[in-house]
Amino acid sequence: MEHRLSSLNRRVDPIALILMFILIIIGIILIYSATHLADNPAMQTLYKTQLIWTLVGVVCIYIVVLVPFRFIYDFTYVFYALSLCILVMVLITGSSAAGATRWFAIGPIKLQPSEFAKLAVILALARHLSSHPVSFQNISSFVVPLAILLFPMALIVKQPDLSTSLVFCAVFIPMIYWGGLSVLELFFFVSPVLSLVFAFNIYLWAGFFILLFFLLVKFSRNIIHISSILTINFLIGIVLPIVWNRLHDYQKSRIVSFIDPTNDPFGAGYQVIQSKVAIGSGKILGKGFLKATQTSLSFLPEQHTDFIFSVLGEQFGFLGTFFVLLLFSVLIARLFSLASENKNRFSNLVMVGISSQLAFHVLINISMTVGMMPVTGLPLPFLSYGGSSLISSMILIGLAASLRKKSEDY
C-alpha cells in the first residue's frame, strides 16, 4: 500500500490535489450546514450524496492518472466528437426542468453533459494550437479554433444555458494567447466585446474607437485586418444603441434586471439581496457553524448550490471567506505555474485551459453572490452541490496535476 501511494505521489502534483480536497471537505461541511434544517428530508441528506460524488471523483482521478499521455493526445478529437454527439442527444432525449433541457436522468441521478464538454473543448483546442499557432498575419489560422469553440457553444446555448457557454469563451481567450497571440493582438481580437460594453456611452465608445484606430495603424501593416476590425467595432458602436432604443420598455426592463438584479428586488434581485445580507451579517468571525439564520432558514434560495459562498460568509465571516479565496488563489497559481514549467506544448495549453476555467468559475460565482455580476447559475467549484460539476472539476485537477509527469515520461 505504501509503495502504491509513493508511486502515485511521483505521478501527480500533490499540492494541487491537497488544495482540491481541502476545498471539497469545506464544501461538504457547508452543504450540510445549509440543508440540515430543510423541510424536505431528502434535502437533509445532500451532503451524503456529495460525499458519494467525491468518491466517484477520486476513482476518476485515479483512472486519469493511469491513462498514458499518448492515449490522451491521440483520442482528443474522438472525445471532442463524442461530446458533441452527447450534447445533441441531450437536446433530443434529455430531461427538462424550468424550461431548460440540460440533463440526462438515470433514475434519481442527473448528469449534465455540458460540464464534461468543457474538458473536451480544452483538449481539442490544446491539440490544435500545439501544432497550429494562431496569428493575425494568417487570419485563416483562427478558423479551426473558432469552430472547436462555437459548435459546443451553440448546442449549449440551445439548451438554453448561456452561463456555461460563456465558460468556453473564458477558456478560449487565454489559450489562444498562450497559443501564439501577442497582448496587442489579443486586444484587437477582443475589441468587439469591448465595443459592446462601451457602446451605451458615446464618449467612452468614441475614445475606445480612436485608441483602437491609432493602435491598428501603428502596429498593423495589413489594410484588410485594419479595415475589418474597425468596421466590426464601428457597426457595434452604431447599431447597438439603435437596437436598444427600438426595444419595448418591458424588454429593456428584463435586460436591466439581468445586469443589475437590485432593480427587481422581489424578482431577479431577491437572491442577490438576500445573499449580500447573509455575507454582511457574518462580519469578521461569522455567526458560527450551524448558527446562521439567513441561509439555514431558507431566506436564500439555492444556498447549497450557486450561493454556497453566502453560507460560508454568514457562518465563518470575513476570515472564512478569505481563507477559501486564498485556497483558490494558491490552487490557480499552482496550475499556472505547472503550465509555465511544462515544456510540452499540448500539456501546458491544457493546463492553461483548466486554470482559466477554474479562475472564471470562481470569479463569476463570487462576484454574483456579492452583487457585482448578474446571476448566471455558475457553481463554485468543489463547494457547490452537484455531481456533474464536482466530478468534472476533479477530473480537470487530476489531469492538470498529472500531465507534467506524463509528458516528461512520454
Protein backbone atom coordinates (compact mmCIF):
# COMPACT_ATOMS: atom_id res chain seq x y z
CA MET A 1 0.00 0.00 0.00
CA GLU A 2 2.82 2.38 0.92
CA HIS A 3 4.55 1.56 -2.37
CA ARG A 4 1.36 2.41 -4.33
CA LEU A 5 0.95 5.73 -2.54
CA SER A 6 4.61 6.56 -3.21
CA SER A 7 4.14 5.66 -6.89
CA LEU A 8 1.00 7.81 -7.12
CA ASN A 9 2.82 10.73 -5.48
CA ARG A 10 5.51 10.54 -8.19
CA ARG A 11 2.83 10.60 -10.90
CA VAL A 12 0.94 13.70 -9.74
CA ASP A 13 1.47 17.12 -8.19
CA PRO A 14 0.42 16.60 -4.55
CA ILE A 15 -0.04 20.33 -3.82
CA ALA A 16 -2.87 20.73 -6.34
CA LEU A 17 -4.64 17.60 -5.10
CA ILE A 18 -4.32 18.56 -1.42
CA LEU A 19 -5.76 22.03 -2.07
CA MET A 20 -8.62 20.49 -4.05
CA PHE A 21 -9.53 18.02 -1.29
CA ILE A 22 -9.46 20.75 1.38
CA LEU A 23 -11.95 22.74 -0.70
CA ILE A 24 -14.15 19.66 -1.19
CA ILE A 25 -14.24 18.98 2.56
CA ILE A 26 -15.19 22.61 3.21
CA GLY A 27 -17.91 22.27 0.57
CA ILE A 28 -19.44 19.17 2.17
CA ILE A 29 -19.47 20.92 5.57
CA LEU A 30 -21.19 23.97 4.05
CA ILE A 31 -23.77 21.84 2.21
CA TYR A 32 -24.63 20.09 5.47
CA SER A 33 -24.97 23.38 7.33
CA ALA A 34 -27.16 24.85 4.58
CA THR A 35 -29.58 21.91 4.39
CA HIS A 36 -29.73 20.28 7.83
CA LEU A 37 -32.89 22.24 8.75
CA ALA A 38 -34.62 21.81 5.38
CA ASP A 39 -38.30 20.86 5.41
CA ASN A 40 -37.70 18.23 2.74
CA PRO A 41 -35.97 15.17 4.31
CA ALA A 42 -34.21 14.47 1.01
CA MET A 43 -32.50 17.86 1.23
CA GLN A 44 -31.07 16.96 4.62
CA THR A 45 -29.02 14.14 3.08
CA LEU A 46 -27.50 16.11 0.20
CA TYR A 47 -24.14 16.26 1.96
CA LYS A 48 -24.03 12.44 1.89
CA THR A 49 -24.75 12.48 -1.84
CA GLN A 50 -21.95 14.99 -2.33
CA LEU A 51 -19.63 12.68 -0.40
CA ILE A 52 -20.57 9.82 -2.75
CA TRP A 53 -19.85 12.02 -5.77
CA THR A 54 -16.48 12.82 -4.21
CA LEU A 55 -15.62 9.13 -4.00
CA VAL A 56 -16.64 8.71 -7.65
CA GLY A 57 -14.39 11.66 -8.48
CA VAL A 58 -11.47 10.03 -6.66
CA VAL A 59 -11.90 6.92 -8.81
CA CYS A 60 -12.00 9.10 -11.93
CA ILE A 61 -8.80 10.89 -10.89
CA TYR A 62 -7.07 7.54 -10.33
CA ILE A 63 -8.09 6.42 -13.82
CA VAL A 64 -6.93 9.71 -15.37
CA VAL A 65 -3.55 9.39 -13.65
CA LEU A 66 -3.07 5.89 -15.07
CA VAL A 67 -4.08 6.78 -18.66
CA PRO A 68 -0.95 7.17 -20.86
CA PHE A 69 -0.13 10.56 -22.33
CA ARG A 70 -0.19 9.22 -25.90
CA PHE A 71 -3.73 7.90 -25.42
CA ILE A 72 -4.97 11.31 -24.23
CA TYR A 73 -3.27 13.07 -27.14
CA ASP A 74 -4.37 10.61 -29.83
CA PHE A 75 -8.01 10.38 -28.76
CA THR A 76 -8.57 14.09 -28.09
CA TYR A 77 -10.62 14.67 -31.24
CA VAL A 78 -12.57 11.46 -30.69
CA PHE A 79 -13.52 12.67 -27.20
CA TYR A 80 -14.49 16.05 -28.65
CA ALA A 81 -16.70 14.47 -31.34
CA LEU A 82 -18.29 12.20 -28.75
CA SER A 83 -19.08 15.18 -26.51
CA LEU A 84 -20.78 16.94 -29.44
CA CYS A 85 -22.91 13.86 -30.09
CA ILE A 86 -23.92 13.71 -26.43
CA LEU A 87 -24.83 17.42 -26.44
CA VAL A 88 -27.08 16.77 -29.44
CA MET A 89 -28.62 13.75 -27.70
CA VAL A 90 -29.42 15.71 -24.55
CA LEU A 91 -31.40 18.21 -26.64
CA ILE A 92 -33.43 15.36 -28.11
CA THR A 93 -33.86 12.94 -25.21
CA GLY A 94 -32.69 14.91 -22.18
CA SER A 95 -34.61 15.72 -19.02
CA SER A 96 -36.17 19.19 -18.83
CA ALA A 97 -36.61 21.46 -15.81
CA ALA A 98 -37.56 25.14 -15.56
CA GLY A 99 -37.64 25.43 -19.36
CA ALA A 100 -34.12 24.04 -19.85
CA THR A 101 -33.03 20.69 -21.30
CA ARG A 102 -29.55 20.13 -19.86
CA TRP A 103 -29.55 16.75 -18.15
CA PHE A 104 -29.73 13.01 -18.66
CA ALA A 105 -31.90 11.50 -15.94
CA ILE A 106 -30.90 8.00 -14.85
CA GLY A 107 -33.33 7.22 -12.05
CA PRO A 108 -32.67 9.76 -9.28
CA ILE A 109 -29.31 10.69 -10.84
CA LYS A 110 -28.97 13.65 -13.20
CA LEU A 111 -25.88 14.12 -15.35
CA GLN A 112 -25.11 17.39 -17.11
CA PRO A 113 -23.04 16.69 -20.28
CA SER A 114 -22.05 20.34 -20.74
CA GLU A 115 -19.80 20.07 -17.67
CA PHE A 116 -17.74 17.36 -19.36
CA ALA A 117 -17.85 19.15 -22.74
CA LYS A 118 -15.66 21.85 -21.17
CA LEU A 119 -12.83 19.34 -20.84
CA ALA A 120 -13.38 18.13 -24.42
CA VAL A 121 -13.05 21.69 -25.75
CA ILE A 122 -9.91 22.35 -23.71
CA LEU A 123 -8.27 19.17 -25.01
CA ALA A 124 -9.29 19.79 -28.63
CA LEU A 125 -8.09 23.39 -28.57
CA ALA A 126 -4.81 22.35 -26.95
CA ARG A 127 -4.28 19.61 -29.54
CA HIS A 128 -4.84 22.00 -32.46
CA LEU A 129 -2.99 25.03 -31.05
CA SER A 130 0.02 22.92 -30.05
CA SER A 131 0.76 22.26 -33.73
CA HIS A 132 -1.03 25.21 -35.41
CA PRO A 133 -0.37 28.51 -33.56
CA VAL A 134 -2.75 31.36 -34.32
CA SER A 135 -1.57 34.65 -35.80
CA PHE A 136 -3.17 37.82 -37.13
CA GLN A 137 -0.79 37.54 -40.06
CA ASN A 138 -2.77 34.46 -41.04
CA ILE A 139 -6.46 35.05 -40.32
CA SER A 140 -7.34 31.55 -41.55
CA SER A 141 -5.44 30.17 -38.53
CA PHE A 142 -8.46 31.19 -36.39
CA VAL A 143 -10.97 29.13 -38.39
CA VAL A 144 -10.43 25.74 -36.74
CA PRO A 145 -10.06 27.06 -33.14
CA LEU A 146 -13.25 29.10 -33.56
CA ALA A 147 -15.06 26.07 -34.97
CA ILE A 148 -13.92 23.97 -31.98
CA LEU A 149 -15.29 26.69 -29.71
CA LEU A 150 -18.55 27.56 -31.46
CA PHE A 151 -20.04 24.11 -32.16
CA PRO A 152 -20.47 23.10 -28.49
CA MET A 153 -21.33 26.69 -27.54
CA ALA A 154 -24.22 26.72 -30.00
CA LEU A 155 -25.56 23.41 -28.68
CA ILE A 156 -25.34 24.58 -25.07
CA VAL A 157 -27.00 27.93 -25.82
CA LYS A 158 -29.81 25.89 -27.40
CA GLN A 159 -30.45 24.09 -24.07
CA PRO A 160 -30.53 27.06 -23.05
CA ASP A 161 -27.51 27.57 -20.77
CA LEU A 162 -25.85 30.89 -21.57
CA SER A 163 -23.65 30.94 -18.46
CA THR A 164 -21.97 27.62 -19.28
CA SER A 165 -21.44 28.68 -22.89
CA LEU A 166 -19.58 31.77 -21.65
CA VAL A 167 -17.11 29.50 -19.86
CA PHE A 168 -15.86 28.36 -23.27
CA CYS A 169 -15.02 31.96 -24.18
CA ALA A 170 -13.18 32.40 -20.88
CA VAL A 171 -11.09 29.33 -21.73
CA PHE A 172 -10.61 30.22 -25.40
CA ILE A 173 -9.06 33.67 -24.93
CA PRO A 174 -6.17 32.67 -22.59
CA MET A 175 -5.50 29.57 -24.69
CA ILE A 176 -5.13 31.46 -28.00
CA TYR A 177 -2.89 33.96 -26.19
CA TRP A 178 -0.75 31.09 -24.91
CA GLY A 179 -1.04 29.58 -28.39
CA GLY A 180 0.75 32.39 -30.19
CA LEU A 181 -1.02 35.77 -29.93
CA SER A 182 0.73 38.82 -28.53
CA VAL A 183 -1.00 41.01 -25.94
CA LEU A 184 -1.76 43.61 -28.61
CA GLU A 185 -3.19 41.02 -31.00
CA LEU A 186 -5.33 39.68 -28.18
CA PHE A 187 -6.61 43.22 -27.57
CA PHE A 188 -7.57 43.51 -31.24
CA PHE A 189 -9.27 40.12 -31.08
CA VAL A 190 -11.48 41.00 -28.09
CA SER A 191 -12.09 44.61 -29.21
CA PRO A 192 -15.64 43.85 -30.47
CA VAL A 193 -16.57 42.70 -26.95
CA LEU A 194 -15.16 45.92 -25.51
CA SER A 195 -17.11 47.93 -28.09
CA LEU A 196 -20.23 46.11 -26.94
CA VAL A 197 -19.55 47.20 -23.35
CA PHE A 198 -18.72 50.82 -24.20
CA ALA A 199 -21.47 51.30 -26.82
CA PHE A 200 -24.01 52.55 -24.27
CA ASN A 201 -21.85 55.61 -23.55
CA ILE A 202 -21.00 57.53 -26.72
CA TYR A 203 -17.99 59.26 -25.15
CA LEU A 204 -16.43 56.06 -23.80
CA TRP A 205 -17.03 54.27 -27.08
CA ALA A 206 -15.62 57.14 -29.16
CA GLY A 207 -12.47 57.24 -27.00
CA PHE A 208 -12.06 53.49 -27.28
CA PHE A 209 -12.58 53.57 -31.06
CA ILE A 210 -9.98 56.33 -31.53
CA LEU A 211 -7.48 54.38 -29.39
CA LEU A 212 -8.17 51.24 -31.41
CA PHE A 213 -7.69 53.14 -34.68
CA PHE A 214 -4.28 54.54 -33.69
CA LEU A 215 -3.05 51.19 -32.36
CA LEU A 216 -4.09 49.41 -35.55
CA VAL A 217 -2.44 52.00 -37.79
CA LYS A 218 0.74 51.98 -35.72
CA PHE A 219 1.21 48.23 -35.25
CA SER A 220 -0.53 46.59 -38.20
CA ARG A 221 0.57 46.79 -41.82
CA ASN A 222 -2.31 44.77 -43.24
CA ILE A 223 -5.00 47.08 -44.59
CA ILE A 224 -7.56 44.23 -44.69
CA HIS A 225 -7.04 43.50 -40.98
CA ILE A 226 -7.30 47.18 -40.08
CA SER A 227 -10.45 47.80 -42.09
CA SER A 228 -12.14 44.58 -40.89
CA ILE A 229 -11.55 45.23 -37.19
CA LEU A 230 -12.56 48.89 -37.44
CA THR A 231 -15.70 48.04 -39.42
CA ILE A 232 -16.86 45.43 -36.90
CA ASN A 233 -16.27 47.76 -33.96
CA PHE A 234 -17.89 50.70 -35.75
CA LEU A 235 -21.02 48.69 -36.57
CA ILE A 236 -21.34 47.51 -32.96
CA GLY A 237 -20.99 51.04 -31.62
CA ILE A 238 -23.54 52.48 -34.06
CA VAL A 239 -26.08 49.66 -34.30
CA LEU A 240 -26.37 48.65 -30.63
CA PRO A 241 -27.79 51.98 -29.35
CA ILE A 242 -30.27 51.99 -32.26
CA VAL A 243 -31.42 48.45 -31.40
CA TRP A 244 -31.68 49.39 -27.71
CA ASN A 245 -33.88 52.39 -28.46
CA ARG A 246 -36.21 50.22 -30.54
CA LEU A 247 -36.82 47.74 -27.72
CA HIS A 248 -40.07 47.88 -25.76
CA ASP A 249 -39.93 49.05 -22.14
CA TYR A 250 -40.59 45.56 -20.78
CA GLN A 251 -37.72 44.17 -22.89
CA LYS A 252 -35.37 46.85 -21.57
CA SER A 253 -36.56 46.11 -18.04
CA ARG A 254 -35.68 42.42 -18.38
CA ILE A 255 -32.19 43.20 -19.64
CA VAL A 256 -31.55 45.81 -16.93
CA SER A 257 -32.82 43.41 -14.24
CA PHE A 258 -30.41 40.75 -15.51
CA ILE A 259 -27.43 43.13 -15.46
CA ASP A 260 -28.44 44.79 -12.17
CA PRO A 261 -30.82 42.48 -10.23
CA THR A 262 -31.33 45.06 -7.48
CA ASN A 263 -33.68 46.86 -9.86
CA ASP A 264 -36.10 43.97 -9.27
CA PRO A 265 -35.81 43.29 -5.51
CA PHE A 266 -38.75 40.86 -5.36
CA GLY A 267 -37.86 39.02 -8.57
CA ALA A 268 -34.44 38.61 -10.17
CA GLY A 269 -32.77 40.65 -7.43
CA TYR A 270 -34.18 38.74 -4.45
CA GLN A 271 -31.42 36.12 -4.29
CA VAL A 272 -28.62 38.66 -4.62
CA ILE A 273 -30.09 40.92 -1.93
CA GLN A 274 -30.52 38.00 0.49
CA SER A 275 -27.00 36.80 -0.36
CA LYS A 276 -25.47 40.19 0.43
CA VAL A 277 -27.42 40.33 3.70
CA ALA A 278 -26.12 36.86 4.64
CA ILE A 279 -22.48 37.66 3.86
CA GLY A 280 -22.65 41.06 5.55
CA SER A 281 -24.21 39.62 8.70
CA GLY A 282 -21.21 37.32 9.13
CA LYS A 283 -18.91 40.30 9.76
CA ILE A 284 -15.34 39.33 10.70
CA LEU A 285 -15.64 36.00 12.50
CA GLY A 286 -19.08 34.83 11.35
CA LYS A 287 -22.07 33.66 13.37
CA GLY A 288 -20.58 30.22 13.91
CA PHE A 289 -21.13 26.76 12.44
CA LEU A 290 -24.86 25.86 12.23
CA LYS A 291 -25.78 29.22 13.76
CA ALA A 292 -26.71 31.01 10.54
CA THR A 293 -30.24 32.34 10.10
CA GLN A 294 -30.29 33.82 6.62
CA THR A 295 -29.02 30.72 4.83
CA SER A 296 -30.18 27.96 7.18
CA LEU A 297 -33.80 29.17 7.43
CA SER A 298 -34.37 29.27 3.65
CA PHE A 299 -34.41 33.06 3.26
CA LEU A 300 -31.86 32.49 0.48
CA PRO A 301 -32.94 30.06 -2.29
CA GLU A 302 -30.31 27.74 -3.82
CA GLN A 303 -27.99 28.36 -0.88
CA HIS A 304 -26.41 24.90 -1.22
CA THR A 305 -25.63 25.31 -4.94
CA ASP A 306 -24.98 28.64 -6.67
CA PHE A 307 -24.98 30.67 -3.43
CA ILE A 308 -22.84 28.39 -1.25
CA PHE A 309 -20.36 31.26 -0.79
CA SER A 310 -23.08 33.12 1.13
CA VAL A 311 -23.32 30.20 3.57
CA LEU A 312 -19.58 30.44 4.09
CA GLY A 313 -19.69 34.21 4.65
CA GLU A 314 -22.55 34.11 7.15
CA GLN A 315 -21.18 31.28 9.29
CA PHE A 316 -17.44 31.95 9.11
CA GLY A 317 -17.30 35.66 8.29
CA PHE A 318 -14.55 37.56 6.53
CA LEU A 319 -11.84 35.25 7.84
CA GLY A 320 -13.59 32.17 6.45
CA THR A 321 -14.16 33.70 3.03
CA PHE A 322 -10.58 34.98 2.95
CA PHE A 323 -9.26 31.50 3.74
CA VAL A 324 -11.29 29.91 0.92
CA LEU A 325 -10.27 32.64 -1.53
CA LEU A 326 -6.65 32.04 -0.52
CA LEU A 327 -7.02 28.31 -1.22
CA PHE A 328 -8.50 29.02 -4.66
CA SER A 329 -5.79 31.58 -5.41
CA VAL A 330 -2.97 29.22 -4.47
CA LEU A 331 -4.55 26.38 -6.47
CA ILE A 332 -4.98 28.52 -9.60
CA ALA A 333 -1.48 29.95 -9.24
CA ARG A 334 -0.11 26.43 -8.83
CA LEU A 335 -1.81 25.27 -12.02
CA PHE A 336 -0.48 28.23 -14.00
CA SER A 337 2.96 27.54 -12.53
CA LEU A 338 2.77 23.92 -13.70
CA ALA A 339 1.78 25.17 -17.16
CA SER A 340 4.74 27.54 -17.40
CA GLU A 341 7.16 24.84 -16.22
CA ASN A 342 5.90 22.24 -18.69
CA LYS A 343 7.91 22.09 -21.91
CA ASN A 344 5.33 20.02 -23.78
CA ARG A 345 3.15 22.36 -25.85
CA PHE A 346 0.00 20.26 -25.64
CA SER A 347 0.29 19.76 -21.88
CA ASN A 348 0.85 23.39 -20.96
CA LEU A 349 -2.06 24.51 -23.16
CA VAL A 350 -4.34 22.02 -21.39
CA MET A 351 -3.18 23.35 -18.02
CA VAL A 352 -3.80 26.95 -19.11
CA GLY A 353 -7.32 25.99 -20.19
CA ILE A 354 -8.04 24.22 -16.90
CA SER A 355 -6.61 27.10 -14.85
CA SER A 356 -8.63 29.65 -16.81
CA GLN A 357 -11.87 27.70 -16.41
CA LEU A 358 -11.37 27.38 -12.65
CA ALA A 359 -10.49 31.08 -12.29
CA PHE A 360 -13.53 32.13 -14.34
CA HIS A 361 -15.92 29.98 -12.30
CA VAL A 362 -14.58 31.34 -9.01
CA LEU A 363 -14.58 34.97 -10.17
CA ILE A 364 -18.09 34.90 -11.64
CA ASN A 365 -19.72 32.90 -8.83
CA ILE A 366 -18.31 35.01 -6.01
CA SER A 367 -18.97 38.26 -7.88
CA MET A 368 -22.56 37.07 -8.37
CA THR A 369 -23.11 36.35 -4.68
CA VAL A 370 -21.90 39.83 -3.64
CA GLY A 371 -23.97 41.60 -6.31
CA MET A 372 -21.13 42.61 -8.63
CA MET A 373 -22.27 40.38 -11.51
CA PRO A 374 -25.63 39.15 -12.86
CA VAL A 375 -26.99 35.86 -11.52
CA THR A 376 -25.62 33.35 -14.01
CA GLY A 377 -26.05 29.93 -12.41
CA LEU A 378 -22.36 29.00 -12.48
CA PRO A 379 -21.45 26.83 -9.46
CA LEU A 380 -18.48 27.47 -7.19
CA PRO A 381 -16.05 24.61 -7.96
CA PHE A 382 -15.69 21.95 -5.23
CA LEU A 383 -18.01 23.83 -2.84
CA SER A 384 -21.38 23.97 -4.61
CA TYR A 385 -23.62 20.91 -4.51
CA GLY A 386 -23.77 18.99 -7.79
CA GLY A 387 -22.36 15.70 -9.03
CA SER A 388 -21.56 16.62 -12.64
CA SER A 389 -19.80 19.83 -11.64
CA LEU A 390 -17.82 18.17 -8.85
CA ILE A 391 -16.70 15.13 -10.85
CA SER A 392 -15.74 17.15 -13.93
CA SER A 393 -13.79 19.63 -11.77
CA MET A 394 -11.97 16.80 -10.01
CA ILE A 395 -11.08 15.23 -13.36
CA LEU A 396 -9.71 18.58 -14.55
CA ILE A 397 -7.48 18.97 -11.49
CA GLY A 398 -6.39 15.33 -11.66
CA LEU A 399 -5.44 15.76 -15.31
CA ALA A 400 -3.57 19.02 -14.70
CA ALA A 401 -1.77 17.56 -11.68
CA SER A 402 -0.56 14.55 -13.66
CA LEU A 403 0.13 15.98 -17.14
CA ARG A 404 3.60 17.31 -16.39
CA LYS A 405 4.86 13.90 -15.30
CA LYS A 406 3.03 12.19 -18.17
CA SER A 407 4.64 14.45 -20.77
CA GLU A 408 8.08 14.07 -19.16
CA ASP A 409 7.78 10.30 -19.39
CA TYR A 410 6.49 10.43 -22.96
